[in-house]
C-alpha atoms as a PDB file:
ATOM      1  CA  MET A   1      45.158  73.653 172.315  1.00  0.00           C
ATOM      2  CA  ALA A   2      42.871  76.630 171.650  1.00  0.00           C
ATOM      3  CA  LEU A   3      40.044  76.010 169.216  1.00  0.00           C
ATOM      4  CA  ASP A   4      40.260  77.761 165.856  1.00  0.00           C
ATOM      5  CA  THR A   5      37.156  79.953 165.904  1.00  0.00           C
ATOM      6  CA  THR A   6      38.117  81.574 162.577  1.00  0.00           C
ATOM      7  CA  LEU A   7      36.557  78.523 160.890  1.00  0.00           C
ATOM      8  CA  VAL A   8      33.054  79.701 161.830  1.00  0.00           C
ATOM      9  CA  GLY A   9      31.065  80.570 158.710  1.00  0.00           C
ATOM     10  CA  LYS A  10      33.552  79.138 156.226  1.00  0.00           C
ATOM     11  CA  LYS A  11      32.142  76.591 153.774  1.00  0.00           C
ATOM     12  CA  SER A  12      34.048  73.445 152.816  1.00  0.00           C
ATOM     13  CA  GLU A  13      34.681  72.288 149.279  1.00  0.00           C
ATOM     14  CA  PRO A  14      31.998  69.858 148.032  1.00  0.00           C
ATOM     15  CA  ALA A  15      32.742  66.282 149.086  1.00  0.00           C
ATOM     16  CA  SER A  16      31.690  63.476 146.760  1.00  0.00           C
ATOM     17  CA  PHE A  17      29.946  60.343 148.016  1.00  0.00           C
ATOM     18  CA  GLU A  18      28.842  57.421 145.850  1.00  0.00           C
ATOM     19  CA  TYR A  19      26.536  54.674 147.062  1.00  0.00           C
ATOM     20  CA  ASP A  20      24.525  51.757 145.729  1.00  0.00           C
ATOM     21  CA  TRP A  21      21.649  49.586 146.875  1.00  0.00           C
ATOM     22  CA  GLN A  22      23.985  47.343 148.871  1.00  0.00           C
ATOM     23  CA  LYS A  23      25.103  50.273 151.044  1.00  0.00           C
ATOM     24  CA  ILE A  24      21.476  51.268 151.520  1.00  0.00           C
ATOM     25  CA  VAL A  25      20.568  47.760 152.664  1.00  0.00           C
ATOM     26  CA  LEU A  26      23.637  47.490 154.911  1.00  0.00           C
ATOM     27  CA  TYR A  27      22.620  50.722 156.622  1.00  0.00           C
ATOM     28  CA  ALA A  28      19.025  49.529 157.052  1.00  0.00           C
ATOM     29  CA  LEU A  29      20.268  46.330 158.690  1.00  0.00           C
ATOM     30  CA  GLY A  30      22.596  48.404 160.857  1.00  0.00           C
ATOM     31  CA  ILE A  31      19.635  50.332 162.284  1.00  0.00           C
ATOM     32  CA  GLY A  32      17.729  47.136 162.951  1.00  0.00           C
ATOM     33  CA  ALA A  33      15.503  46.617 159.898  1.00  0.00           C
ATOM     34  CA  ARG A  34      13.698  43.268 159.941  1.00  0.00           C
ATOM     35  CA  GLU A  35      12.121  41.027 157.318  1.00  0.00           C
ATOM     36  CA  ASP A  36       8.777  42.815 157.563  1.00  0.00           C
ATOM     37  CA  GLU A  37      10.592  45.886 156.147  1.00  0.00           C
ATOM     38  CA  LEU A  38      11.498  44.098 152.924  1.00  0.00           C
ATOM     39  CA  ASP A  39      10.975  47.255 150.842  1.00  0.00           C
ATOM     40  CA  TYR A  40      14.108  48.628 152.544  1.00  0.00           C
ATOM     41  CA  LEU A  41      16.114  45.397 152.308  1.00  0.00           C
ATOM     42  CA  PHE A  42      15.471  43.875 148.876  1.00  0.00           C
ATOM     43  CA  GLU A  43      16.777  45.382 145.664  1.00  0.00           C
ATOM     44  CA  GLY A  44      13.796  43.882 143.825  1.00  0.00           C
ATOM     45  CA  ARG A  45      11.692  46.544 145.543  1.00  0.00           C
ATOM     46  CA  GLY A  46      14.074  49.462 145.039  1.00  0.00           C
ATOM     47  CA  PRO A  47      15.192  49.248 147.767  1.00  0.00           C
ATOM     48  CA  LYS A  48      13.587  52.204 149.518  1.00  0.00           C
ATOM     49  CA  THR A  49      15.865  54.367 151.647  1.00  0.00           C
ATOM     50  CA  TYR A  50      15.408  55.389 155.247  1.00  0.00           C
ATOM     51  CA  PRO A  51      15.883  59.183 155.397  1.00  0.00           C
ATOM     52  CA  SER A  52      18.237  58.869 158.368  1.00  0.00           C
ATOM     53  CA  TYR A  53      20.771  57.558 155.824  1.00  0.00           C
ATOM     54  CA  ALA A  54      21.441  61.284 155.312  1.00  0.00           C
ATOM     55  CA  VAL A  55      23.896  61.134 158.230  1.00  0.00           C
ATOM     56  CA  VAL A  56      26.168  58.719 156.347  1.00  0.00           C
ATOM     57  CA  PRO A  57      27.314  60.917 153.409  1.00  0.00           C
ATOM     58  CA  SER A  58      27.416  64.025 155.627  1.00  0.00           C
ATOM     59  CA  PHE A  59      29.491  62.390 158.392  1.00  0.00           C
ATOM     60  CA  GLY A  60      32.820  62.679 156.546  1.00  0.00           C
ATOM     61  CA  PRO A  61      32.554  66.384 155.598  1.00  0.00           C
ATOM     62  CA  MET A  62      31.428  67.237 159.140  1.00  0.00           C
ATOM     63  CA  LEU A  63      34.311  65.292 160.694  1.00  0.00           C
ATOM     64  CA  ALA A  64      36.850  66.879 158.335  1.00  0.00           C
ATOM     65  CA  LEU A  65      35.809  70.364 159.467  1.00  0.00           C
ATOM     66  CA  LEU A  66      35.669  69.326 163.116  1.00  0.00           C
ATOM     67  CA  SER A  67      39.242  68.026 162.939  1.00  0.00           C
ATOM     68  CA  ARG A  68      40.419  71.434 161.725  1.00  0.00           C
ATOM     69  CA  THR A  69      39.163  73.143 164.903  1.00  0.00           C
ATOM     70  CA  GLY A  70      42.070  71.701 166.885  1.00  0.00           C
ATOM     71  CA  GLY A  71      39.784  69.895 169.310  1.00  0.00           C
ATOM     72  CA  ASN A  72      40.665  66.476 170.730  1.00  0.00           C
ATOM     73  CA  LEU A  73      38.674  64.011 168.615  1.00  0.00           C
ATOM     74  CA  ALA A  74      39.294  61.279 171.196  1.00  0.00           C
ATOM     75  CA  ALA A  75      37.190  63.308 173.641  1.00  0.00           C
ATOM     76  CA  VAL A  76      34.076  64.030 171.577  1.00  0.00           C
ATOM     77  CA  VAL A  77      30.466  63.415 172.560  1.00  0.00           C
ATOM     78  CA  HIS A  78      27.623  63.566 170.053  1.00  0.00           C
ATOM     79  CA  GLY A  79      25.215  66.063 171.578  1.00  0.00           C
ATOM     80  CA  ALA A  80      22.411  66.385 169.033  1.00  0.00           C
ATOM     81  CA  GLN A  81      21.441  65.624 165.448  1.00  0.00           C
ATOM     82  CA  LYS A  82      18.999  67.125 162.972  1.00  0.00           C
ATOM     83  CA  VAL A  83      17.999  66.082 159.452  1.00  0.00           C
ATOM     84  CA  ARG A  84      15.723  67.959 157.065  1.00  0.00           C
ATOM     85  CA  MET A  85      14.659  66.233 153.857  1.00  0.00           C
ATOM     86  CA  HIS A  86      14.086  68.127 150.598  1.00  0.00           C
ATOM     87  CA  GLY A  87      13.770  65.139 148.280  1.00  0.00           C
ATOM     88  CA  VAL A  88      13.650  61.342 148.258  1.00  0.00           C
ATOM     89  CA  LEU A  89      16.993  59.561 148.359  1.00  0.00           C
ATOM     90  CA  PRO A  90      17.260  57.186 145.391  1.00  0.00           C
ATOM     91  CA  PRO A  91      18.649  53.673 146.039  1.00  0.00           C
ATOM     92  CA  ALA A  92      21.918  54.546 144.277  1.00  0.00           C
ATOM     93  CA  GLY A  93      23.702  57.667 143.143  1.00  0.00           C
ATOM     94  CA  LYS A  94      26.423  60.242 143.633  1.00  0.00           C
ATOM     95  CA  LEU A  95      26.023  63.046 146.159  1.00  0.00           C
ATOM     96  CA  LEU A  96      27.886  66.298 146.814  1.00  0.00           C
ATOM     97  CA  THR A  97      28.000  67.643 150.368  1.00  0.00           C
ATOM     98  CA  THR A  98      29.271  70.985 151.643  1.00  0.00           C
ATOM     99  CA  ALA A  99      29.750  71.680 155.337  1.00  0.00           C
ATOM    100  CA  THR A 100      29.840  74.902 157.357  1.00  0.00           C
ATOM    101  CA  ILE A 101      30.639  75.396 161.023  1.00  0.00           C
ATOM    102  CA  ARG A 102      27.759  77.504 162.293  1.00  0.00           C
ATOM    103  CA  GLY A 103      29.341  78.212 165.655  1.00  0.00           C
ATOM    104  CA  ILE A 104      31.915  77.186 168.264  1.00  0.00           C
ATOM    105  CA  TYR A 105      30.432  77.777 171.704  1.00  0.00           C
ATOM    106  CA  ASP A 106      31.869  77.908 175.208  1.00  0.00           C
ATOM    107  CA  MET A 107      30.319  75.620 177.845  1.00  0.00           C
ATOM    108  CA  LYS A 108      32.961  76.270 180.546  1.00  0.00           C
ATOM    109  CA  LYS A 109      34.576  72.819 180.727  1.00  0.00           C
ATOM    110  CA  PHE A 110      33.257  71.780 177.321  1.00  0.00           C
ATOM    111  CA  ALA A 111      32.978  73.335 173.879  1.00  0.00           C
ATOM    112  CA  SER A 112      30.073  72.833 171.492  1.00  0.00           C
ATOM    113  CA  VAL A 113      30.658  72.813 167.737  1.00  0.00           C
ATOM    114  CA  ILE A 114      27.562  73.026 165.520  1.00  0.00           C
ATOM    115  CA  THR A 115      28.142  72.079 161.887  1.00  0.00           C
ATOM    116  CA  ASP A 116      25.556  72.324 159.119  1.00  0.00           C
ATOM    117  CA  THR A 117      25.730  70.375 155.876  1.00  0.00           C
ATOM    118  CA  GLU A 118      23.875  70.608 152.571  1.00  0.00           C
ATOM    119  CA  THR A 119      23.717  67.685 150.144  1.00  0.00           C
ATOM    120  CA  VAL A 120      22.672  67.705 146.483  1.00  0.00           C
ATOM    121  CA  ASP A 121      22.336  65.073 143.788  1.00  0.00           C
ATOM    122  CA  ALA A 122      25.535  65.359 141.755  1.00  0.00           C
ATOM    123  CA  ALA A 123      23.736  64.536 138.489  1.00  0.00           C
ATOM    124  CA  THR A 124      20.801  66.942 138.779  1.00  0.00           C
ATOM    125  CA  GLY A 125      21.868  69.526 141.360  1.00  0.00           C
ATOM    126  CA  GLN A 126      18.637  68.889 143.302  1.00  0.00           C
ATOM    127  CA  LYS A 127      18.967  69.528 147.030  1.00  0.00           C
ATOM    128  CA  LEU A 128      18.154  66.294 148.850  1.00  0.00           C
ATOM    129  CA  PHE A 129      18.749  67.039 152.522  1.00  0.00           C
ATOM    130  CA  ASP A 130      20.381  69.238 155.158  1.00  0.00           C
ATOM    131  CA  THR A 131      21.876  68.070 158.438  1.00  0.00           C
ATOM    132  CA  SER A 132      23.019  69.776 161.634  1.00  0.00           C
ATOM    133  CA  TRP A 133      25.511  68.168 164.002  1.00  0.00           C
ATOM    134  CA  THR A 134      26.146  69.262 167.582  1.00  0.00           C
ATOM    135  CA  ILE A 135      29.437  67.821 168.787  1.00  0.00           C
ATOM    136  CA  ILE A 136      30.673  68.339 172.349  1.00  0.00           C
ATOM    137  CA  LEU A 137      34.442  68.584 172.883  1.00  0.00           C
ATOM    138  CA  ARG A 138      35.296  67.562 176.436  1.00  0.00           C
ATOM    139  CA  GLY A 139      37.956  69.849 177.880  1.00  0.00           C
ATOM    140  CA  GLY A 140      37.546  72.329 175.024  1.00  0.00           C
ATOM    141  CA  GLY A 141      35.763  75.101 176.899  1.00  0.00           C
ATOM    142  CA  GLY A 142      36.921  78.077 178.909  1.00  0.00           C
ATOM    143  CA  PHE A 143      38.052  80.170 175.953  1.00  0.00           C
ATOM    144  CA  GLY A 144      35.713  83.070 176.639  1.00  0.00           C
ATOM    145  CA  GLY A 145      33.227  82.431 173.860  1.00  0.00           C
ATOM    146  CA  SER A 146      29.447  82.707 173.843  1.00  0.00           C
ATOM    147  CA  PRO A 147      27.278  79.896 175.205  1.00  0.00           C
ATOM    148  CA  PRO A 148      25.382  77.737 172.712  1.00  0.00           C
ATOM    149  CA  PRO A 149      21.970  78.997 171.574  1.00  0.00           C
ATOM    150  CA  ARG A 150      18.849  77.565 173.172  1.00  0.00           C
ATOM    151  CA  GLU A 151      16.307  76.046 170.828  1.00  0.00           C
ATOM    152  CA  GLU A 152      12.751  75.269 171.859  1.00  0.00           C
ATOM    153  CA  VAL A 153      11.539  71.760 171.066  1.00  0.00           C
ATOM    154  CA  PRO A 154       7.950  70.703 171.855  1.00  0.00           C
ATOM    155  CA  ALA A 155       7.717  68.430 174.882  1.00  0.00           C
ATOM    156  CA  PRO A 156       5.491  65.360 175.093  1.00  0.00           C
ATOM    157  CA  PRO A 157       2.094  66.142 176.653  1.00  0.00           C
ATOM    158  CA  LYS A 158       2.104  64.992 180.287  1.00  0.00           C
ATOM    159  CA  GLU A 159      -1.664  64.603 180.454  1.00  0.00           C
ATOM    160  CA  ARG A 160      -1.991  61.698 178.014  1.00  0.00           C
ATOM    161  CA  ALA A 161      -0.324  58.491 176.929  1.00  0.00           C
ATOM    162  CA  ALA A 162       1.801  58.249 173.813  1.00  0.00           C
ATOM    163  CA  ASP A 163       0.055  57.726 170.477  1.00  0.00           C
ATOM    164  CA  PHE A 164       2.505  54.988 169.639  1.00  0.00           C
ATOM    165  CA  VAL A 165       5.189  53.005 171.433  1.00  0.00           C
ATOM    166  CA  HIS A 166       7.531  50.798 169.471  1.00  0.00           C
ATOM    167  CA  GLU A 167       9.893  48.499 171.353  1.00  0.00           C
ATOM    168  CA  GLU A 168      12.663  46.499 169.731  1.00  0.00           C
ATOM    169  CA  SER A 169      15.728  44.578 170.895  1.00  0.00           C
ATOM    170  CA  THR A 170      19.178  45.191 169.439  1.00  0.00           C
ATOM    171  CA  THR A 171      21.723  42.432 168.965  1.00  0.00           C
ATOM    172  CA  LYS A 172      25.087  42.083 170.685  1.00  0.00           C
ATOM    173  CA  GLU A 173      26.625  42.655 167.255  1.00  0.00           C
ATOM    174  CA  GLN A 174      24.579  45.766 166.413  1.00  0.00           C
ATOM    175  CA  ALA A 175      27.447  48.270 166.727  1.00  0.00           C
ATOM    176  CA  LEU A 176      29.772  45.998 164.727  1.00  0.00           C
ATOM    177  CA  LEU A 177      27.190  45.961 161.948  1.00  0.00           C
ATOM    178  CA  TYR A 178      26.358  49.669 162.052  1.00  0.00           C
ATOM    179  CA  ARG A 179      30.016  50.750 161.920  1.00  0.00           C
ATOM    180  CA  LEU A 180      30.300  49.238 158.418  1.00  0.00           C
ATOM    181  CA  SER A 181      28.318  52.270 157.203  1.00  0.00           C
ATOM    182  CA  GLY A 182      31.310  54.480 157.966  1.00  0.00           C
ATOM    183  CA  ASP A 183      31.772  55.387 161.638  1.00  0.00           C
ATOM    184  CA  LEU A 184      34.780  53.270 162.583  1.00  0.00           C
ATOM    185  CA  ASN A 185      35.420  54.734 166.047  1.00  0.00           C
ATOM    186  CA  PRO A 186      36.908  51.853 168.129  1.00  0.00           C
ATOM    187  CA  LEU A 187      34.668  52.898 171.026  1.00  0.00           C
ATOM    188  CA  HIS A 188      31.965  50.884 169.275  1.00  0.00           C
ATOM    189  CA  ALA A 189      34.051  47.765 168.669  1.00  0.00           C
ATOM    190  CA  ASP A 190      37.061  47.357 170.973  1.00  0.00           C
ATOM    191  CA  PRO A 191      36.357  46.399 174.625  1.00  0.00           C
ATOM    192  CA  ALA A 192      39.832  47.510 175.743  1.00  0.00           C
ATOM    193  CA  PHE A 193      39.397  50.949 174.123  1.00  0.00           C
ATOM    194  CA  ALA A 194      35.910  51.340 175.592  1.00  0.00           C
ATOM    195  CA  LYS A 195      37.208  50.512 179.078  1.00  0.00           C
ATOM    196  CA  ALA A 196      40.113  52.950 178.684  1.00  0.00           C
ATOM    197  CA  VAL A 197      37.710  55.837 178.035  1.00  0.00           C
ATOM    198  CA  GLY A 198      35.385  54.973 180.901  1.00  0.00           C
ATOM    199  CA  PHE A 199      32.894  52.409 179.565  1.00  0.00           C
ATOM    200  CA  GLU A 200      33.556  49.417 181.795  1.00  0.00           C
ATOM    201  CA  ALA A 201      30.575  47.522 180.342  1.00  0.00           C
ATOM    202  CA  GLY A 202      32.190  47.498 176.900  1.00  0.00           C
ATOM    203  CA  PRO A 203      31.637  49.141 173.512  1.00  0.00           C
ATOM    204  CA  ILE A 204      28.549  51.316 173.234  1.00  0.00           C
ATOM    205  CA  LEU A 205      26.112  51.617 170.356  1.00  0.00           C
ATOM    206  CA  HIS A 206      26.618  54.560 168.011  1.00  0.00           C
ATOM    207  CA  GLY A 207      24.298  57.419 168.889  1.00  0.00           C
ATOM    208  CA  LEU A 208      23.359  57.561 165.222  1.00  0.00           C
ATOM    209  CA  CYS A 209      22.393  53.889 165.318  1.00  0.00           C
ATOM    210  CA  THR A 210      19.930  54.652 168.124  1.00  0.00           C
ATOM    211  CA  PHE A 211      18.852  57.676 166.063  1.00  0.00           C
ATOM    212  CA  GLY A 212      18.172  55.338 163.132  1.00  0.00           C
ATOM    213  CA  TYR A 213      16.093  53.044 165.343  1.00  0.00           C
ATOM    214  CA  MET A 214      14.073  56.091 166.407  1.00  0.00           C
ATOM    215  CA  VAL A 215      13.458  57.035 162.770  1.00  0.00           C
ATOM    216  CA  ARG A 216      12.362  53.503 161.857  1.00  0.00           C
ATOM    217  CA  HIS A 217       9.989  53.479 164.806  1.00  0.00           C
ATOM    218  CA  VAL A 218       8.455  56.779 163.677  1.00  0.00           C
ATOM    219  CA  VAL A 219       8.040  55.377 160.156  1.00  0.00           C
ATOM    220  CA  LYS A 220       6.227  52.377 161.609  1.00  0.00           C
ATOM    221  CA  GLY A 221       4.207  54.232 164.236  1.00  0.00           C
ATOM    222  CA  ALA A 222       3.280  57.444 162.423  1.00  0.00           C
ATOM    223  CA  CYS A 223       3.898  56.997 158.686  1.00  0.00           C
ATOM    224  CA  GLY A 224       2.277  53.655 157.938  1.00  0.00           C
ATOM    225  CA  GLY A 225       5.669  52.305 156.834  1.00  0.00           C
ATOM    226  CA  ASP A 226       6.183  55.043 154.221  1.00  0.00           C
ATOM    227  CA  ALA A 227       9.459  56.802 155.057  1.00  0.00           C
ATOM    228  CA  THR A 228       8.944  59.433 152.332  1.00  0.00           C
ATOM    229  CA  ARG A 229       6.360  61.078 154.626  1.00  0.00           C
ATOM    230  CA  LEU A 230       9.049  61.913 157.173  1.00  0.00           C
ATOM    231  CA  LYS A 231      10.257  65.450 156.384  1.00  0.00           C
ATOM    232  CA  SER A 232      12.476  66.314 159.346  1.00  0.00           C
ATOM    233  CA  PHE A 233      13.623  64.810 162.614  1.00  0.00           C
ATOM    234  CA  GLU A 234      15.932  65.826 165.412  1.00  0.00           C
ATOM    235  CA  ALA A 235      17.090  64.563 168.784  1.00  0.00           C
ATOM    236  CA  GLN A 236      19.420  65.187 171.698  1.00  0.00           C
ATOM    237  CA  PHE A 237      21.512  62.290 172.971  1.00  0.00           C
ATOM    238  CA  ARG A 238      21.388  61.840 176.754  1.00  0.00           C
ATOM    239  CA  LYS A 239      22.641  58.403 177.768  1.00  0.00           C
ATOM    240  CA  PRO A 240      24.632  55.596 176.141  1.00  0.00           C
ATOM    241  CA  VAL A 241      23.028  52.464 174.726  1.00  0.00           C
ATOM    242  CA  TRP A 242      24.795  49.115 174.714  1.00  0.00           C
ATOM    243  CA  PRO A 243      24.423  46.451 172.025  1.00  0.00           C
ATOM    244  CA  GLY A 244      21.790  44.022 173.253  1.00  0.00           C
ATOM    245  CA  ASP A 245      19.658  46.721 174.899  1.00  0.00           C
ATOM    246  CA  THR A 246      15.958  46.969 174.044  1.00  0.00           C
ATOM    247  CA  ILE A 247      15.172  50.359 172.477  1.00  0.00           C
ATOM    248  CA  ALA A 248      11.687  51.822 172.961  1.00  0.00           C
ATOM    249  CA  THR A 249      10.416  54.916 171.127  1.00  0.00           C
ATOM    250  CA  SER A 250       7.301  56.730 172.328  1.00  0.00           C
ATOM    251  CA  GLY A 251       5.598  59.306 170.105  1.00  0.00           C
ATOM    252  CA  TRP A 252       2.917  61.915 170.865  1.00  0.00           C
ATOM    253  CA  LYS A 253       1.034  63.483 167.959  1.00  0.00           C
ATOM    254  CA  LEU A 254       0.972  67.283 168.114  1.00  0.00           C
ATOM    255  CA  GLU A 255      -0.363  69.900 165.696  1.00  0.00           C
ATOM    256  CA  ASP A 256       0.998  70.569 162.183  1.00  0.00           C
ATOM    257  CA  GLY A 257       2.126  66.988 161.605  1.00  0.00           C
ATOM    258  CA  ARG A 258       4.649  67.025 164.430  1.00  0.00           C
ATOM    259  CA  TYR A 259       5.385  64.218 166.859  1.00  0.00           C
ATOM    260  CA  ALA A 260       7.207  64.703 170.157  1.00  0.00           C
ATOM    261  CA  LEU A 261       9.453  61.718 170.849  1.00  0.00           C
ATOM    262  CA  VAL A 262      11.267  60.094 173.759  1.00  0.00           C
ATOM    263  CA  VAL A 263      13.579  57.114 173.397  1.00  0.00           C
ATOM    264  CA  GLY A 264      14.513  54.851 176.286  1.00  0.00           C
ATOM    265  CA  VAL A 265      15.897  51.392 176.891  1.00  0.00           C
ATOM    266  CA  LYS A 266      13.979  48.713 178.722  1.00  0.00           C
ATOM    267  CA  GLU A 267      16.985  47.786 180.853  1.00  0.00           C
ATOM    268  CA  ARG A 268      17.396  51.208 182.583  1.00  0.00           C
ATOM    269  CA  PRO A 269      14.998  53.968 183.726  1.00  0.00           C
ATOM    270  CA  ASP A 270      16.505  57.138 182.205  1.00  0.00           C
ATOM    271  CA  PRO A 271      15.740  58.264 178.625  1.00  0.00           C
ATOM    272  CA  VAL A 272      18.587  57.936 176.138  1.00  0.00           C
ATOM    273  CA  ILE A 273      17.128  60.473 173.663  1.00  0.00           C
ATOM    274  CA  THR A 274      15.037  63.531 174.580  1.00  0.00           C
ATOM    275  CA  ASN A 275      14.101  66.890 173.011  1.00  0.00           C
ATOM    276  CA  ALA A 276      13.216  64.893 169.918  1.00  0.00           C
ATOM    277  CA  VAL A 277      10.628  65.790 167.303  1.00  0.00           C
ATOM    278  CA  ALA A 278       9.645  64.479 163.877  1.00  0.00           C
ATOM    279  CA  VAL A 279       7.612  66.271 161.223  1.00  0.00           C
ATOM    280  CA  ILE A 280       5.313  64.129 159.072  1.00  0.00           C
ATOM    281  CA  ASP A 281       3.722  65.086 155.773  1.00  0.00           C
END
């Protein structure tokens, strides 16, 4: 089925999302938070909110627009993710998110759909965050469209070691826990489904769960544990991660508060996240 490129530039109706401290804590546990991060796990201290939670309320509006393109949602790959913070997420509230497809791009065999979202506090109208989602549709290319734009991301300096490295094991149940925050794709839960789509080793971890681990590691390694200092972060997903893998994030401090990042797993040599950068206040 041909993709509906007439959707490019059209904004969705605002989608409402309500959450409370329990959802915030569940998400934090889903991205691996431990007892030494009690500020993010105990309602007696807020709880504080990891800014990567922004992907949770924006996931639904993005997916709703993506489904309207006519692409095969059983054949999607998450290519890249960006988040830009404009305010601090409170531990509970009601949010309104609008989504816009920025472009549908031709990659020969694949198609790339980039969707931007904007989220505001429903009570005050304050903009809290923007997100950008790059979703790859396998088999969706060849329609004669333009290729996706190239964006320059600072690379880690080759001449020196990372300024921080944070290594942390995931549990065998990590994907089962993370999916409770809203991404119920059976690829992350059902061994038979995972095998049917080519993952013989079983269900893989959500890319956004690995993304959340990366954000936590930046908070620990570059922000002194204060997630409000993290203003934007982005990454490209390269390789799958399996529950039980050990995730390691390396960060190199650059100018203007930026950190170049690479995420790998201890069990295999190739990076799982590259072209990643975080901006710290």
